[in-house]
C-alpha atoms as a PDB file:
ATOM      1  CA  MET A   1       0.000   0.000   0.000  1.00  0.00           C
ATOM      2  CA  THR A   2       1.359   3.410  -0.853  1.00  0.00           C
ATOM      3  CA  LEU A   3       0.647   6.792   0.648  1.00  0.00           C
ATOM      4  CA  HIS A   4      -1.347   9.089  -1.582  1.00  0.00           C
ATOM      5  CA  LEU A   5      -0.068  12.529  -0.683  1.00  0.00           C
ATOM      6  CA  TRP A   6      -1.915  14.250  -3.497  1.00  0.00           C
ATOM      7  CA  ASN A   7      -4.467  11.830  -4.994  1.00  0.00           C
ATOM      8  CA  THR A   8      -7.366  12.175  -2.546  1.00  0.00           C
ATOM      9  CA  ARG A   9      -9.765  10.281  -4.817  1.00  0.00           C
ATOM     10  CA  LYS A  10      -7.543   7.186  -4.916  1.00  0.00           C
ATOM     11  CA  LEU A  11      -7.244   7.254  -1.125  1.00  0.00           C
ATOM     12  CA  ALA A  12     -11.009   7.646  -0.792  1.00  0.00           C
ATOM     13  CA  VAL A  13     -11.551   4.575  -2.985  1.00  0.00           C
ATOM     14  CA  GLU A  14      -9.103   2.531  -0.887  1.00  0.00           C
ATOM     15  CA  LEU A  15     -10.849   3.663   2.297  1.00  0.00           C
ATOM     16  CA  ALA A  16     -14.276   2.828   0.843  1.00  0.00           C
ATOM     17  CA  GLU A  17     -13.069  -0.636  -0.119  1.00  0.00           C
ATOM     18  CA  GLY A  18     -11.475  -1.225   3.291  1.00  0.00           C
ATOM     19  CA  ARG A  19      -8.014  -1.667   1.786  1.00  0.00           C
ATOM     20  CA  LEU A  20      -6.119   0.685   4.117  1.00  0.00           C
ATOM     21  CA  SER A  21      -3.891  -1.362   6.431  1.00  0.00           C
ATOM     22  CA  GLU A  22      -3.209  -0.358  10.035  1.00  0.00           C
ATOM     23  CA  ARG A  23       0.448   0.301   9.144  1.00  0.00           C
ATOM     24  CA  THR A  24      -0.526   2.595   6.262  1.00  0.00           C
ATOM     25  CA  GLY A  25      -2.981   4.356   8.565  1.00  0.00           C
ATOM     26  CA  MET A  26      -0.158   4.934  11.044  1.00  0.00           C
ATOM     27  CA  GLN A  27       1.984   6.313   8.214  1.00  0.00           C
ATOM     28  CA  TYR A  28      -0.783   8.762   7.328  1.00  0.00           C
ATOM     29  CA  MET A  29      -0.916   9.858  10.972  1.00  0.00           C
ATOM     30  CA  LEU A  30       2.877  10.354  10.997  1.00  0.00           C
ATOM     31  CA  VAL A  31       2.677  12.562   7.922  1.00  0.00           C
ATOM     32  CA  GLY A  32      -0.328  14.313   9.433  1.00  0.00           C
ATOM     33  CA  SER A  33       1.622  15.135  12.584  1.00  0.00           C
ATOM     34  CA  LEU A  34       4.426  16.582  10.457  1.00  0.00           C
ATOM     35  CA  LEU A  35       1.938  18.681   8.505  1.00  0.00           C
ATOM     36  CA  TYR A  36       0.365  19.870  11.759  1.00  0.00           C
ATOM     37  CA  ALA A  37       3.747  21.007  13.080  1.00  0.00           C
ATOM     38  CA  TYR A  38       4.590  22.583   9.724  1.00  0.00           C
ATOM     39  CA  ASN A  39       1.326  24.514   9.579  1.00  0.00           C
ATOM     40  CA  THR A  40       1.593  25.661  13.188  1.00  0.00           C
ATOM     41  CA  TYR A  41       5.173  26.823  12.934  1.00  0.00           C
ATOM     42  CA  TRP A  42       4.706  28.271   9.457  1.00  0.00           C
ATOM     43  CA  ALA A  43       2.133  30.616  10.970  1.00  0.00           C
ATOM     44  CA  LEU A  44       4.541  31.466  13.777  1.00  0.00           C
ATOM     45  CA  TRP A  45       7.392  31.998  11.341  1.00  0.00           C
ATOM     46  CA  PHE A  46       6.054  35.371  10.269  1.00  0.00           C
ATOM     47  CA  GLY A  47       5.187  36.697  13.706  1.00  0.00           C
ATOM     48  CA  SER A  48       7.537  34.938  16.064  1.00  0.00           C
ATOM     49  CA  TYR A  49      10.980  35.784  17.277  1.00  0.00           C
ATOM     50  CA  ARG A  50      13.126  33.359  15.284  1.00  0.00           C
ATOM     51  CA  ASP A  51      16.292  32.234  16.924  1.00  0.00           C
ATOM     52  CA  GLY A  52      17.852  28.965  17.992  1.00  0.00           C
ATOM     53  CA  TRP A  53      15.108  28.388  20.571  1.00  0.00           C
ATOM     54  CA  PHE A  54      12.408  28.655  17.915  1.00  0.00           C
ATOM     55  CA  PHE A  55      14.061  25.972  15.783  1.00  0.00           C
ATOM     56  CA  LEU A  56      14.841  23.792  18.802  1.00  0.00           C
ATOM     57  CA  GLU A  57      11.198  23.983  19.880  1.00  0.00           C
ATOM     58  CA  LEU A  58      10.076  23.110  16.343  1.00  0.00           C
ATOM     59  CA  LEU A  59      12.401  20.119  16.267  1.00  0.00           C
ATOM     60  CA  ALA A  60      11.291  18.977  19.732  1.00  0.00           C
ATOM     61  CA  VAL A  61       7.582  19.233  18.841  1.00  0.00           C
ATOM     62  CA  ILE A  62       8.155  17.310  15.592  1.00  0.00           C
ATOM     63  CA  CYS A  63      10.047  14.566  17.440  1.00  0.00           C
ATOM     64  CA  VAL A  64       7.382  14.335  20.141  1.00  0.00           C
ATOM     65  CA  GLY A  65       4.711  14.139  17.420  1.00  0.00           C
ATOM     66  CA  LEU A  66       6.418  11.381  15.475  1.00  0.00           C
ATOM     67  CA  PHE A  67       7.239   9.418  18.614  1.00  0.00           C
ATOM     68  CA  GLY A  68       3.708  10.031  19.919  1.00  0.00           C
ATOM     69  CA  VAL A  69       1.974   8.726  16.800  1.00  0.00           C
ATOM     70  CA  PHE A  70       4.161   5.632  16.801  1.00  0.00           C
ATOM     71  CA  GLU A  71       3.446   5.021  20.509  1.00  0.00           C
ATOM     72  CA  CYS A  72      -0.284   5.354  19.815  1.00  0.00           C
ATOM     73  CA  TYR A  73       0.107   2.826  17.007  1.00  0.00           C
ATOM     74  CA  LYS A  74       1.884   0.428  19.371  1.00  0.00           C
ATOM     75  CA  ALA A  75      -0.823   0.946  22.010  1.00  0.00           C
ATOM     76  CA  ASN A  76      -3.393  -0.003  19.373  1.00  0.00           C
ATOM     77  CA  GLY A  77      -1.682  -3.339  18.737  1.00  0.00           C
ATOM     78  CA  GLU A  78       0.490  -2.329  15.774  1.00  0.00           C
ATOM     79  CA  ASP A  79      -0.354  -4.329  12.625  1.00  0.00           C
ATOM     80  CA  LYS A  80      -2.725  -6.572  14.608  1.00  0.00           C
ATOM     81  CA  GLY A  81      -4.732  -3.603  15.871  1.00  0.00           C
ATOM     82  CA  ALA A  82      -7.963  -2.300  14.440  1.00  0.00           C
ATOM     83  CA  ASP A  83      -9.424   1.096  13.564  1.00  0.00           C
ATOM     84  CA  PHE A  84      -6.251   3.042  14.369  1.00  0.00           C
ATOM     85  CA  ILE A  85      -7.160   6.144  12.379  1.00  0.00           C
ATOM     86  CA  LEU A  86     -10.723   6.204  13.684  1.00  0.00           C
ATOM     87  CA  ARG A  87      -9.583   5.826  17.288  1.00  0.00           C
ATOM     88  CA  PHE A  88      -6.761   8.333  16.985  1.00  0.00           C
ATOM     89  CA  CYS A  89      -8.839  10.994  15.247  1.00  0.00           C
ATOM     90  CA  ALA A  90     -11.815  10.582  17.572  1.00  0.00           C
ATOM     91  CA  LEU A  91      -9.681  10.688  20.721  1.00  0.00           C
ATOM     92  CA  ALA A  92      -7.721  13.655  19.348  1.00  0.00           C
ATOM     93  CA  VAL A  93     -10.777  15.865  19.788  1.00  0.00           C
ATOM     94  CA  PRO A  94     -11.286  15.595  23.565  1.00  0.00           C
ATOM     95  CA  ALA A  95      -7.541  15.268  24.165  1.00  0.00           C
ATOM     96  CA  GLY A  96      -6.942  18.320  21.978  1.00  0.00           C
ATOM     97  CA  PHE A  97      -9.591  20.362  23.782  1.00  0.00           C
ATOM     98  CA  LYS A  98      -8.184  19.466  27.197  1.00  0.00           C
ATOM     99  CA  VAL A  99      -4.627  20.276  26.170  1.00  0.00           C
ATOM    100  CA  ALA A 100      -5.790  23.530  24.549  1.00  0.00           C
ATOM    101  CA  VAL A 101      -7.589  24.615  27.720  1.00  0.00           C
ATOM    102  CA  LEU A 102      -4.666  23.618  29.949  1.00  0.00           C
ATOM    103  CA  GLY A 103      -2.249  25.354  27.579  1.00  0.00           C
ATOM    104  CA  LEU A 104      -4.339  28.509  27.586  1.00  0.00           C
ATOM    105  CA  ILE A 105      -4.530  28.509  31.376  1.00  0.00           C
ATOM    106  CA  ALA A 106      -0.806  27.789  31.790  1.00  0.00           C
ATOM    107  CA  GLY A 107       0.098  30.461  29.249  1.00  0.00           C
ATOM    108  CA  GLN A 108      -2.071  33.063  30.946  1.00  0.00           C
ATOM    109  CA  VAL A 109      -0.790  32.174  34.419  1.00  0.00           C
ATOM    110  CA  LEU A 110       2.787  32.390  33.195  1.00  0.00           C
ATOM    111  CA  TYR A 111       2.125  35.666  31.405  1.00  0.00           C
ATOM    112  CA  PHE A 112       0.453  37.368  34.370  1.00  0.00           C
ATOM    113  CA  ALA A 113       2.557  35.792  37.135  1.00  0.00           C
ATOM    114  CA  ALA A 114       5.893  36.343  35.425  1.00  0.00           C
ATOM    115  CA  ASP A 115       6.249  39.923  36.688  1.00  0.00           C
ATOM    116  CA  TYR A 116       5.716  38.770  40.275  1.00  0.00           C
ATOM    117  CA  VAL A 117       7.862  35.633  40.216  1.00  0.00           C
ATOM    118  CA  LEU A 118      10.483  36.181  37.539  1.00  0.00           C
ATOM    119  CA  ASP A 119      12.491  39.133  38.703  1.00  0.00           C
ATOM    120  CA  SER A 120      16.150  39.869  39.361  1.00  0.00           C
ATOM    121  CA  ARG A 121      15.796  38.935  43.037  1.00  0.00           C
ATOM    122  CA  THR A 122      14.842  35.345  42.190  1.00  0.00           C
ATOM    123  CA  PHE A 123      16.717  34.848  38.908  1.00  0.00           C
ATOM    124  CA  ARG A 124      19.877  36.295  37.441  1.00  0.00           C
ATOM    125  CA  ASP A 125      18.280  36.540  33.981  1.00  0.00           C
ATOM    126  CA  PRO A 126      14.468  36.570  34.339  1.00  0.00           C
ATOM    127  CA  ALA A 127      13.923  37.041  30.585  1.00  0.00           C
ATOM    128  CA  LEU A 128      15.883  33.871  29.839  1.00  0.00           C
ATOM    129  CA  VAL A 129      13.888  31.893  32.416  1.00  0.00           C
ATOM    130  CA  TYR A 130      10.701  33.216  30.801  1.00  0.00           C
ATOM    131  CA  ARG A 131      11.915  32.010  27.383  1.00  0.00           C
ATOM    132  CA  TYR A 132      12.800  28.591  28.856  1.00  0.00           C
ATOM    133  CA  LEU A 133       9.318  28.263  30.289  1.00  0.00           C
ATOM    134  CA  TYR A 134       7.663  29.282  27.041  1.00  0.00           C
ATOM    135  CA  PHE A 135       9.887  26.783  25.231  1.00  0.00           C
ATOM    136  CA  ALA A 136       8.877  24.007  27.624  1.00  0.00           C
ATOM    137  CA  LEU A 137       5.126  24.635  27.408  1.00  0.00           C
ATOM    138  CA  PRO A 138       4.425  23.557  23.804  1.00  0.00           C
ATOM    139  CA  VAL A 139       6.841  20.645  24.011  1.00  0.00           C
ATOM    140  CA  SER A 140       5.345  19.354  27.258  1.00  0.00           C
ATOM    141  CA  PHE A 141       1.768  19.828  26.062  1.00  0.00           C
ATOM    142  CA  ALA A 142       2.564  17.976  22.827  1.00  0.00           C
ATOM    143  CA  PHE A 143       3.887  15.123  24.966  1.00  0.00           C
ATOM    144  CA  VAL A 144       0.751  15.124  27.164  1.00  0.00           C
ATOM    145  CA  TYR A 145      -1.489  15.177  24.075  1.00  0.00           C
ATOM    146  CA  TYR A 146       0.015  12.021  22.544  1.00  0.00           C
ATOM    147  CA  TRP A 147       0.413  10.315  25.924  1.00  0.00           C
ATOM    148  CA  ARG A 148      -3.299  10.683  26.685  1.00  0.00           C
ATOM    149  CA  ILE A 149      -4.330   9.471  23.234  1.00  0.00           C
ATOM    150  CA  ALA A 150      -2.046   6.419  23.571  1.00  0.00           C
ATOM    151  CA  HIS A 151      -3.443   5.752  27.053  1.00  0.00           C
ATOM    152  CA  HIS A 152      -7.027   5.739  25.787  1.00  0.00           C
ATOM    153  CA  ILE A 153      -6.203   3.690  22.681  1.00  0.00           C
ATOM    154  CA  ALA A 154      -4.635   1.054  24.949  1.00  0.00           C
ATOM    155  CA  PHE A 155      -7.743   1.222  27.159  1.00  0.00           C
ATOM    156  CA  ILE A 156      -9.976   0.588  24.124  1.00  0.00           C
ATOM    157  CA  ARG A 157      -7.786  -2.305  23.013  1.00  0.00           C
ATOM    158  CA  ASN A 158      -7.893  -3.870  26.496  1.00  0.00           C
ATOM    159  CA  ILE A 159     -11.692  -3.634  26.605  1.00  0.00           C
ATOM    160  CA  ARG A 160     -12.029  -5.232  23.160  1.00  0.00           C
ATOM    161  CA  GLU A 161      -9.563  -8.021  23.986  1.00  0.00           C
ATOM    162  CA  SER A 162     -11.366  -8.744  27.282  1.00  0.00           C
ATOM    163  CA  ARG A 163     -14.695  -8.998  25.470  1.00  0.00           C
ATOM    164  CA  GLU A 164     -13.214 -11.254  22.800  1.00  0.00           C
ATOM    165  CA  GLU A 165     -11.722 -13.534  25.480  1.00  0.00           C
ATOM    166  CA  ALA A 166     -15.057 -13.674  27.303  1.00  0.00           C
ATOM    167  CA  GLN A 167     -16.851 -14.593  24.073  1.00  0.00           C
ATOM    168  CA  ALA A 168     -14.264 -17.272  23.302  1.00  0.00           C
ATOM    169  CA  VAL A 169     -14.769 -18.852  26.733  1.00  0.00           C
ATOM    170  CA  ALA A 170     -18.575 -18.740  26.474  1.00  0.00           C
END
């Protein structure tokens, strides 16, 4: 099975005919995570302060995304799993909302608390500490996002396997 990066119609036919393997589905999710990072950081490219930290953050988020998708695939049972894309995409919505809300809250707390906590009495270079924290936020939230999706995919797999075992015994 090959990835169709441009031919949407051919992919749609393969999906309709049920010919998309779990491995190919995982490969689509890997490419999708790269495109997500690309689109996010492309938007930031024009309005963000671009230095080594920007590119390090981009690299870290890409690595977390690729590793995260593969861990979700493993949690689903790899090639023996079922419905990887459906499970991943469905779980991405509540996981994404929770991470977005937590990220918004953490960002606002950091923004408003920084003047009270990050000063020259507590840190030699408060601006650098602020940059470190803002570097760590997207990387850590990307990790949490994929971790929670993998956790729930494994939970789904365990439920299905338990039911299949119970049916086999009965």
